[in-house]
Each structure stands twice: as structure tokens, then as C-alpha cells.
Amino acid sequence: MNAPIVRRSGIRDVEFGENVVVVEPTNMYECVIGSGCVIGPYCEIQSNVVVGARTKIQSHTFICSLVEIGQDVFIGHGVMFVNDLFQKGGPAKGDTSKWRHTKVGNRVAIGSNATILPVEIEDGCVIGAGAVVTRDLRIAGIYAGNPARLLRKI
């Protein structure tokens, strides 16, 4: 019988600001978490992620490498960030040069089960539950749908 390779989840090499709350189990590594953040259970936050102060990240959220999140952001349950666009018809398979950056502005709210591709999201945007963000959101407003579209400006 062959033994599996076991990689334990946990928290390692994370730079935390003051008064951060992390609810375990959570997998976080080589990232920066600003002061006053709350990270729910069953989240994964990968390397080269920066999370701004007072941001709340709900359970079951996945934040891949190369994501920058502003201050005072709310991220709902089960939100998925994507950095690999499968440009060659499949995953980049470790070729991180094909990964793309995502930038989320300040005071953004992202509803549960949204998917965020490599984009820039303007300060003050609200993204509806289940939305798929495929393009930059340059106007502060409410967005929903697949692909996410501006419903109204705020």
C-alpha cells in the first residue's frame, strides 16, 4: 500500500496587522493581512496577496496569488478569485508568467459565490451574488450577472 503525500493546511509566513481575527481551519501563506481584518473559516489566501485594513472575508473563499484587495472591503461566502485564464486551452501548469493580477478597490462589496477573473474593480463597487466579473469595473456601481454588467451607478 502506498502512502499519500500529505500537505497540511495552516497559517505560515503571513504578515498580520493589529487586531486581526482568523477563524480556523484556514490556509494562508506568504501574504499580507491588514489591521482589523476578519477571515472566516475554510478560506485559502495564497502567496503574493495583500488584503487591506478592516476587510471582512467570509467562509469558503479562495483568493489566489496576485490579488490586491483594498480597505473596508466585504467578500461574501464562497467567492473565487482566478489568476489563470487558461489562455492555451488549459491550466498554466506552474508557469506563473501566464498568471494575471487582480486589484479590488476600497469599500467594495462582493456577494456570495461571485467569481472574479483578473480585473480591476473601482472603489465603491457592489458585485451581486453569483456574478462573474470578466472585465474591469471602472464605474462605481452595482454589478450583477454572468458576465457582470452595470445595473446602476452609485
Protein backbone atom coordinates (compact mmCIF):
# COMPACT_ATOMS: atom_id res chain seq x y z
CA MET A 1 0.00 0.00 0.00
CA ASN A 2 1.37 3.42 -0.95
CA ALA A 3 1.28 6.33 1.47
CA PRO A 4 -0.02 9.67 0.15
CA ILE A 5 1.94 12.88 0.24
CA VAL A 6 0.21 14.92 2.93
CA ARG A 7 0.39 18.71 2.91
CA ARG A 8 -1.12 20.23 5.99
CA SER A 9 -3.21 23.38 5.81
CA GLY A 10 -2.35 26.12 8.20
CA ILE A 11 -1.01 29.63 8.59
CA ARG A 12 2.63 30.31 7.69
CA ASP A 13 4.76 33.28 6.73
CA VAL A 14 1.86 35.75 6.99
CA GLU A 15 2.39 39.41 7.85
CA PHE A 16 -0.52 40.44 10.09
CA GLY A 17 -1.58 43.94 11.09
CA GLU A 18 -3.07 44.61 14.53
CA ASN A 19 -6.35 43.12 15.77
CA VAL A 20 -6.81 40.53 13.01
CA VAL A 21 -9.28 37.69 13.61
CA VAL A 22 -8.77 34.37 11.78
CA VAL A 23 -11.29 31.56 12.24
CA GLU A 24 -9.72 28.16 11.65
CA PRO A 25 -9.45 25.95 9.73
CA THR A 26 -7.90 28.34 7.23
CA ASN A 27 -4.99 28.02 4.82
CA MET A 28 -2.92 31.20 4.48
CA TYR A 29 0.68 31.61 3.39
CA GLU A 30 3.13 34.27 2.25
CA CYS A 31 0.52 37.05 2.22
CA VAL A 32 -0.17 40.35 3.98
CA ILE A 33 -3.32 40.93 6.04
CA GLY A 34 -4.07 44.49 7.18
CA SER A 35 -5.15 45.63 10.64
CA GLY A 36 -8.68 44.91 11.80
CA CYS A 37 -9.40 42.20 9.19
CA VAL A 38 -11.66 39.22 9.85
CA ILE A 39 -11.00 35.99 7.93
CA GLY A 40 -13.70 33.31 8.13
CA PRO A 41 -13.18 29.54 8.23
CA TYR A 42 -12.33 27.35 5.25
CA CYS A 43 -10.65 30.19 3.35
CA GLU A 44 -7.45 29.95 1.37
CA ILE A 45 -5.31 33.02 0.86
CA GLN A 46 -2.23 32.32 -1.25
CA SER A 47 1.18 33.94 -1.66
CA ASN A 48 1.55 37.46 -3.01
CA VAL A 49 -1.91 38.53 -1.83
CA VAL A 50 -2.37 41.83 0.01
CA VAL A 51 -5.57 42.44 1.99
CA GLY A 52 -6.24 46.00 3.16
CA ALA A 53 -7.29 47.07 6.64
CA ARG A 54 -10.75 46.29 8.04
CA THR A 55 -11.63 43.88 5.25
CA LYS A 56 -14.04 41.03 6.05
CA ILE A 57 -13.65 37.73 4.17
CA GLN A 58 -16.42 35.19 4.73
CA SER A 59 -16.08 31.40 4.79
CA HIS A 60 -15.11 29.17 1.87
CA THR A 61 -13.46 31.97 -0.10
CA PHE A 62 -10.42 31.35 -2.31
CA ILE A 63 -8.01 34.21 -3.00
CA CYS A 64 -5.27 33.14 -5.39
CA SER A 65 -1.84 34.67 -5.82
CA LEU A 66 -1.51 38.16 -7.32
CA VAL A 67 -4.68 39.64 -5.81
CA GLU A 68 -4.64 43.04 -4.11
CA ILE A 69 -7.69 43.93 -2.02
CA GLY A 70 -8.30 47.46 -0.72
CA GLN A 71 -9.51 48.66 2.66
CA ASP A 72 -13.00 48.22 4.11
CA VAL A 73 -13.95 45.51 1.61
CA PHE A 74 -16.61 42.86 2.22
CA ILE A 75 -16.16 39.49 0.50
CA GLY A 76 -19.10 37.10 0.83
CA HIS A 77 -19.14 33.33 1.28
CA GLY A 78 -17.61 31.16 -1.43
CA VAL A 79 -16.10 33.93 -3.56
CA MET A 80 -13.49 32.63 -6.01
CA PHE A 81 -10.64 34.69 -7.43
CA VAL A 82 -8.94 33.41 -10.60
CA ASN A 83 -5.48 34.33 -11.88
CA ASP A 84 -5.08 31.81 -14.73
CA LEU A 85 -7.21 32.43 -17.83
CA PHE A 86 -6.35 29.09 -19.49
CA GLN A 87 -5.01 31.04 -22.49
CA LYS A 88 -3.60 27.90 -24.11
CA GLY A 89 -6.75 25.85 -23.55
CA GLY A 90 -5.74 24.51 -20.15
CA PRO A 91 -4.04 25.48 -16.90
CA ALA A 92 -0.66 27.22 -16.94
CA LYS A 93 0.78 24.22 -15.04
CA GLY A 94 3.19 26.16 -12.85
CA ASP A 95 4.12 28.76 -15.49
CA THR A 96 3.34 31.74 -13.27
CA SER A 97 4.30 34.18 -16.05
CA LYS A 98 0.86 33.45 -17.53
CA TRP A 99 -0.98 34.41 -14.35
CA ARG A 100 -2.63 37.85 -14.20
CA HIS A 101 -3.17 40.38 -11.39
CA THR A 102 -6.47 41.42 -9.81
CA LYS A 103 -6.98 44.69 -7.98
CA VAL A 104 -10.04 45.33 -5.81
CA GLY A 105 -10.54 48.96 -4.71
CA ASN A 106 -11.62 50.29 -1.34
CA ARG A 107 -15.17 49.91 0.06
CA VAL A 108 -16.10 47.18 -2.44
CA ALA A 109 -18.74 44.58 -1.55
CA ILE A 110 -18.67 41.20 -3.31
CA GLY A 111 -21.68 38.91 -2.91
CA SER A 112 -21.53 35.21 -2.16
CA ASN A 113 -20.39 32.79 -4.87
CA ALA A 114 -19.11 35.52 -7.17
CA THR A 115 -16.18 34.65 -9.44
CA ILE A 116 -13.59 37.36 -10.05
CA LEU A 117 -11.26 36.96 -13.03
CA PRO A 118 -8.08 39.09 -13.35
CA VAL A 119 -9.60 42.58 -13.42
CA GLU A 120 -9.50 45.97 -11.73
CA ILE A 121 -12.52 46.93 -9.63
CA GLU A 122 -13.14 50.62 -8.87
CA ASP A 123 -13.64 51.90 -5.31
CA GLY A 124 -17.22 51.59 -4.07
CA CYS A 125 -18.47 48.85 -6.43
CA VAL A 126 -21.10 46.35 -5.32
CA ILE A 127 -20.99 42.95 -7.01
CA GLY A 128 -24.07 40.76 -6.76
CA ALA A 129 -24.14 37.18 -5.52
CA GLY A 130 -23.18 34.69 -8.20
CA ALA A 131 -21.81 37.36 -10.56
CA VAL A 132 -18.90 36.53 -12.87
CA VAL A 133 -16.62 39.54 -13.28
CA THR A 134 -14.78 39.21 -16.59
CA ARG A 135 -13.90 42.87 -17.29
CA ASP A 136 -12.60 45.87 -15.38
CA LEU A 137 -15.32 47.66 -13.40
CA ARG A 138 -14.35 51.32 -13.90
CA ILE A 139 -17.56 52.99 -12.67
CA ALA A 140 -18.70 52.83 -9.04
CA GLY A 141 -22.00 51.00 -9.26
CA ILE A 142 -23.97 47.82 -8.72
CA TYR A 143 -23.00 44.92 -10.97
CA ALA A 144 -24.65 41.52 -11.39
CA GLY A 145 -24.95 38.63 -13.83
CA ASN A 146 -22.75 36.45 -15.99
CA PRO A 147 -20.87 38.30 -17.26
CA ALA A 148 -21.35 41.01 -14.64
CA ARG A 149 -22.98 44.15 -16.04
CA LEU A 150 -23.61 47.58 -14.57
CA LEU A 151 -27.18 47.76 -13.25
CA ARG A 152 -26.91 51.30 -11.93
CA LYS A 153 -24.34 53.84 -10.83
CA ILE A 154 -23.92 54.72 -7.18
